[in-house]
Amino acid sequence: MSNLAQTYSLQVGVPLSEPTMQTCFYPLDHPIEKAILLHGFSADTGKNQNDRTAFAKIYDHFSEVVTLIKPALDTADYRIYQIGAPGEPQVQGCHHLMGQTTMHQCAYLVKNAAMFIGNDSLWSHVRGASREPMVAVYGPTSVKCHSPHWKDPNKTI
């Protein structure tokens, strides 16, 4: 087995099928086909001492990533929107939506944006199921076992 989802499916005797998540429109101040979504933290941002995996999934260099890609994105009229839970640290250079969307609205954004950049989280799996372009960042989990099972390998880094 190369994927944790496949292992769970076999262990519990439930067929592995493509996940779905209900979406609800969320209006951006920019066309969604020119939106890049960034999700860089976990909901508790590592405050829960019992959940070190979530803490370890936080990628500390998203500010540098945004600084590097923003000039090219600005030239092409793209905007970067940061999604996440209220209280998550803000990445400079992004339009901030943390805590401003419901789960269904966020799912709409994740499925329909031009690109998704984020850590190993619910949103990387939702994006993978949409088979749209994404960059997924892994820390304590392995790509082999935890990468979105339903991704398009030609559109995923």
C-alpha atoms as a PDB file:
ATOM      1  CA  MET A   1       0.000   0.000   0.000  1.00  0.00           C
ATOM      2  CA  SER A   2       1.398   3.331  -0.957  1.00  0.00           C
ATOM      3  CA  ASN A   3      -1.297   5.492   0.587  1.00  0.00           C
ATOM      4  CA  LEU A   4      -2.733   5.710   4.083  1.00  0.00           C
ATOM      5  CA  ALA A   5      -6.287   6.057   2.706  1.00  0.00           C
ATOM      6  CA  GLN A   6      -5.920   2.722   0.918  1.00  0.00           C
ATOM      7  CA  THR A   7      -4.691   1.082   4.117  1.00  0.00           C
ATOM      8  CA  TYR A   8      -7.641   2.433   6.109  1.00  0.00           C
ATOM      9  CA  SER A   9     -10.032   1.293   3.398  1.00  0.00           C
ATOM     10  CA  LEU A  10      -8.734  -2.265   3.536  1.00  0.00           C
ATOM     11  CA  GLN A  11      -8.628  -2.380   7.334  1.00  0.00           C
ATOM     12  CA  VAL A  12     -12.206  -1.236   7.879  1.00  0.00           C
ATOM     13  CA  GLY A  13     -13.664  -2.978   4.843  1.00  0.00           C
ATOM     14  CA  VAL A  14     -15.089   0.178   3.302  1.00  0.00           C
ATOM     15  CA  PRO A  15     -14.488   0.769  -0.398  1.00  0.00           C
ATOM     16  CA  LEU A  16     -12.248   3.675  -1.236  1.00  0.00           C
ATOM     17  CA  SER A  17     -14.275   6.151  -3.237  1.00  0.00           C
ATOM     18  CA  GLU A  18     -13.685   9.705  -4.321  1.00  0.00           C
ATOM     19  CA  PRO A  19     -14.540  12.193  -1.560  1.00  0.00           C
ATOM     20  CA  THR A  20     -16.988  14.999  -2.055  1.00  0.00           C
ATOM     21  CA  MET A  21     -17.510  18.164  -0.072  1.00  0.00           C
ATOM     22  CA  GLN A  22     -20.424  20.505  -0.439  1.00  0.00           C
ATOM     23  CA  THR A  23     -19.403  23.975  -1.566  1.00  0.00           C
ATOM     24  CA  CYS A  24     -20.979  27.376  -1.157  1.00  0.00           C
ATOM     25  CA  PHE A  25     -20.076  30.406  -3.261  1.00  0.00           C
ATOM     26  CA  TYR A  26     -17.780  32.968  -1.620  1.00  0.00           C
ATOM     27  CA  PRO A  27     -17.279  36.306  -3.386  1.00  0.00           C
ATOM     28  CA  LEU A  28     -13.708  37.483  -3.765  1.00  0.00           C
ATOM     29  CA  ASP A  29     -12.724  41.015  -4.698  1.00  0.00           C
ATOM     30  CA  HIS A  30     -10.838  39.543  -7.670  1.00  0.00           C
ATOM     31  CA  PRO A  31     -11.705  36.889 -10.300  1.00  0.00           C
ATOM     32  CA  ILE A  32     -11.308  33.419  -8.805  1.00  0.00           C
ATOM     33  CA  GLU A  33      -9.488  32.202 -11.919  1.00  0.00           C
ATOM     34  CA  LYS A  34      -6.762  34.713 -10.964  1.00  0.00           C
ATOM     35  CA  ALA A  35      -6.658  33.714  -7.281  1.00  0.00           C
ATOM     36  CA  ILE A  36      -3.875  31.760  -5.575  1.00  0.00           C
ATOM     37  CA  LEU A  37      -4.839  30.223  -2.218  1.00  0.00           C
ATOM     38  CA  LEU A  38      -2.296  29.777   0.557  1.00  0.00           C
ATOM     39  CA  HIS A  39      -2.912  27.607   3.612  1.00  0.00           C
ATOM     40  CA  GLY A  40       0.149  27.389   5.794  1.00  0.00           C
ATOM     41  CA  PHE A  41      -0.916  26.557   9.308  1.00  0.00           C
ATOM     42  CA  SER A  42      -3.053  24.155  11.289  1.00  0.00           C
ATOM     43  CA  ALA A  43      -6.171  25.284  13.100  1.00  0.00           C
ATOM     44  CA  ASP A  44      -4.499  25.198  16.512  1.00  0.00           C
ATOM     45  CA  THR A  45      -1.135  26.509  15.187  1.00  0.00           C
ATOM     46  CA  GLY A  46       0.616  24.015  17.430  1.00  0.00           C
ATOM     47  CA  LYS A  47      -0.811  25.402  20.690  1.00  0.00           C
ATOM     48  CA  ASN A  48      -2.181  21.992  21.639  1.00  0.00           C
ATOM     49  CA  GLN A  49       0.821  20.302  23.227  1.00  0.00           C
ATOM     50  CA  ASN A  50      -0.756  16.867  22.633  1.00  0.00           C
ATOM     51  CA  ASP A  51      -0.824  17.338  18.858  1.00  0.00           C
ATOM     52  CA  ARG A  52       2.782  17.749  17.797  1.00  0.00           C
ATOM     53  CA  THR A  53       1.995  16.564  14.258  1.00  0.00           C
ATOM     54  CA  ALA A  54      -0.150  19.638  13.589  1.00  0.00           C
ATOM     55  CA  PHE A  55       2.576  21.880  15.017  1.00  0.00           C
ATOM     56  CA  ALA A  56       5.225  20.192  12.863  1.00  0.00           C
ATOM     57  CA  LYS A  57       3.129  20.728   9.721  1.00  0.00           C
ATOM     58  CA  ILE A  58       3.577  24.487   9.992  1.00  0.00           C
ATOM     59  CA  TYR A  59       5.928  25.659   7.251  1.00  0.00           C
ATOM     60  CA  ASP A  60       7.899  28.625   8.569  1.00  0.00           C
ATOM     61  CA  HIS A  61       8.928  30.051   5.204  1.00  0.00           C
ATOM     62  CA  PHE A  62       5.646  30.996   3.496  1.00  0.00           C
ATOM     63  CA  SER A  63       6.499  34.692   3.885  1.00  0.00           C
ATOM     64  CA  GLU A  64       9.661  34.123   1.856  1.00  0.00           C
ATOM     65  CA  VAL A  65       7.720  32.110  -0.729  1.00  0.00           C
ATOM     66  CA  VAL A  66       5.210  34.945  -1.136  1.00  0.00           C
ATOM     67  CA  THR A  67       8.020  37.509  -1.391  1.00  0.00           C
ATOM     68  CA  LEU A  68       9.598  35.461  -4.206  1.00  0.00           C
ATOM     69  CA  ILE A  69       6.462  34.770  -6.270  1.00  0.00           C
ATOM     70  CA  LYS A  70       4.436  37.942  -5.686  1.00  0.00           C
ATOM     71  CA  PRO A  71       6.202  40.165  -8.282  1.00  0.00           C
ATOM     72  CA  ALA A  72       5.468  37.680 -11.097  1.00  0.00           C
ATOM     73  CA  LEU A  73       1.911  37.163  -9.859  1.00  0.00           C
ATOM     74  CA  ASP A  74       1.292  40.917  -9.641  1.00  0.00           C
ATOM     75  CA  THR A  75       2.511  41.331 -13.228  1.00  0.00           C
ATOM     76  CA  ALA A  76       0.057  38.648 -14.376  1.00  0.00           C
ATOM     77  CA  ASP A  77      -2.768  40.175 -12.254  1.00  0.00           C
ATOM     78  CA  TYR A  78      -3.018  37.273  -9.767  1.00  0.00           C
ATOM     79  CA  ARG A  79      -3.749  37.750  -6.057  1.00  0.00           C
ATOM     80  CA  ILE A  80      -2.737  35.564  -3.141  1.00  0.00           C
ATOM     81  CA  TYR A  81      -5.412  34.841  -0.525  1.00  0.00           C
ATOM     82  CA  GLN A  82      -4.518  33.220   2.779  1.00  0.00           C
ATOM     83  CA  ILE A  83      -7.173  30.873   4.149  1.00  0.00           C
ATOM     84  CA  GLY A  84      -7.355  29.300   7.577  1.00  0.00           C
ATOM     85  CA  ALA A  85      -8.751  29.572  11.065  1.00  0.00           C
ATOM     86  CA  PRO A  86      -9.086  32.768  13.076  1.00  0.00           C
ATOM     87  CA  GLY A  87      -5.915  33.670  14.939  1.00  0.00           C
ATOM     88  CA  GLU A  88      -3.497  32.003  12.542  1.00  0.00           C
ATOM     89  CA  PRO A  89      -0.418  34.105  11.803  1.00  0.00           C
ATOM     90  CA  GLN A  90      -0.768  36.349   8.774  1.00  0.00           C
ATOM     91  CA  VAL A  91       1.623  35.847   5.876  1.00  0.00           C
ATOM     92  CA  GLN A  92       2.659  39.255   4.574  1.00  0.00           C
ATOM     93  CA  GLY A  93       1.743  39.981   0.952  1.00  0.00           C
ATOM     94  CA  CYS A  94      -1.544  38.051   1.087  1.00  0.00           C
ATOM     95  CA  HIS A  95      -5.161  39.113   1.280  1.00  0.00           C
ATOM     96  CA  HIS A  96      -6.329  37.522   4.526  1.00  0.00           C
ATOM     97  CA  LEU A  97      -9.472  35.395   4.742  1.00  0.00           C
ATOM     98  CA  MET A  98      -8.687  33.491   7.954  1.00  0.00           C
ATOM     99  CA  GLY A  99     -11.877  33.047   9.948  1.00  0.00           C
ATOM    100  CA  GLN A 100     -13.997  34.812   7.322  1.00  0.00           C
ATOM    101  CA  THR A 101     -15.350  31.753   5.506  1.00  0.00           C
ATOM    102  CA  THR A 102     -17.412  28.737   6.444  1.00  0.00           C
ATOM    103  CA  MET A 103     -16.009  25.297   5.657  1.00  0.00           C
ATOM    104  CA  HIS A 104     -18.252  25.101   2.567  1.00  0.00           C
ATOM    105  CA  GLN A 105     -17.184  28.544   1.334  1.00  0.00           C
ATOM    106  CA  CYS A 106     -13.548  27.637   1.843  1.00  0.00           C
ATOM    107  CA  ALA A 107     -14.109  24.396  -0.074  1.00  0.00           C
ATOM    108  CA  TYR A 108     -15.519  26.465  -2.944  1.00  0.00           C
ATOM    109  CA  LEU A 109     -12.390  28.642  -2.979  1.00  0.00           C
ATOM    110  CA  VAL A 110     -10.039  25.655  -2.715  1.00  0.00           C
ATOM    111  CA  LYS A 111     -11.738  23.816  -5.580  1.00  0.00           C
ATOM    112  CA  ASN A 112     -12.011  26.822  -7.914  1.00  0.00           C
ATOM    113  CA  ALA A 113      -8.885  28.940  -7.437  1.00  0.00           C
ATOM    114  CA  ALA A 114      -6.178  28.973 -10.089  1.00  0.00           C
ATOM    115  CA  MET A 115      -3.625  27.420  -7.693  1.00  0.00           C
ATOM    116  CA  PHE A 116      -3.415  26.083  -4.156  1.00  0.00           C
ATOM    117  CA  ILE A 117      -0.261  26.196  -2.038  1.00  0.00           C
ATOM    118  CA  GLY A 118      -0.401  24.595   1.373  1.00  0.00           C
ATOM    119  CA  ASN A 119       0.638  22.099   3.960  1.00  0.00           C
ATOM    120  CA  ASP A 120      -0.631  18.547   4.377  1.00  0.00           C
ATOM    121  CA  SER A 121      -4.160  19.363   5.535  1.00  0.00           C
ATOM    122  CA  LEU A 122      -7.833  18.919   4.746  1.00  0.00           C
ATOM    123  CA  TRP A 123      -7.505  21.599   2.080  1.00  0.00           C
ATOM    124  CA  SER A 124      -4.694  19.851   0.219  1.00  0.00           C
ATOM    125  CA  HIS A 125      -6.885  16.739   0.052  1.00  0.00           C
ATOM    126  CA  VAL A 126      -9.917  18.728  -1.127  1.00  0.00           C
ATOM    127  CA  ARG A 127      -7.741  20.351  -3.791  1.00  0.00           C
ATOM    128  CA  GLY A 128      -6.321  16.965  -4.794  1.00  0.00           C
ATOM    129  CA  ALA A 129      -9.837  15.610  -5.304  1.00  0.00           C
ATOM    130  CA  SER A 130     -10.534  18.487  -7.710  1.00  0.00           C
ATOM    131  CA  ARG A 131      -7.437  17.459  -9.700  1.00  0.00           C
ATOM    132  CA  GLU A 132      -6.379  21.087 -10.097  1.00  0.00           C
ATOM    133  CA  PRO A 133      -2.843  22.543  -9.767  1.00  0.00           C
ATOM    134  CA  MET A 134      -1.319  22.611  -6.291  1.00  0.00           C
ATOM    135  CA  VAL A 135       1.904  22.695  -4.353  1.00  0.00           C
ATOM    136  CA  ALA A 136       1.717  20.614  -1.161  1.00  0.00           C
ATOM    137  CA  VAL A 137       4.355  20.988   1.565  1.00  0.00           C
ATOM    138  CA  TYR A 138       5.138  18.023   3.833  1.00  0.00           C
ATOM    139  CA  GLY A 139       6.900  18.026   7.189  1.00  0.00           C
ATOM    140  CA  PRO A 140       6.418  15.123   9.613  1.00  0.00           C
ATOM    141  CA  THR A 141       4.250  13.151   7.178  1.00  0.00           C
ATOM    142  CA  SER A 142       5.490  11.488   4.033  1.00  0.00           C
ATOM    143  CA  VAL A 143       4.257  12.238   0.539  1.00  0.00           C
ATOM    144  CA  LYS A 144       4.177   8.501  -0.189  1.00  0.00           C
ATOM    145  CA  CYS A 145       1.698   7.760   2.620  1.00  0.00           C
ATOM    146  CA  HIS A 146      -0.172  11.014   3.080  1.00  0.00           C
ATOM    147  CA  SER A 147      -0.357  12.824  -0.246  1.00  0.00           C
ATOM    148  CA  PRO A 148      -3.834  13.419  -1.598  1.00  0.00           C
ATOM    149  CA  HIS A 149      -4.918  10.105  -3.083  1.00  0.00           C
ATOM    150  CA  TRP A 150      -7.080  11.713  -5.739  1.00  0.00           C
ATOM    151  CA  LYS A 151      -4.593  14.223  -7.149  1.00  0.00           C
ATOM    152  CA  ASP A 152      -3.476  14.674 -10.749  1.00  0.00           C
ATOM    153  CA  PRO A 153       0.265  13.866 -10.608  1.00  0.00           C
ATOM    154  CA  ASN A 154       0.863  16.137 -13.609  1.00  0.00           C
ATOM    155  CA  LYS A 155      -0.553  19.140 -11.705  1.00  0.00           C
ATOM    156  CA  THR A 156       0.845  18.456  -8.236  1.00  0.00           C
ATOM    157  CA  ILE A 157       4.213  19.314  -6.752  1.00  0.00           C
END
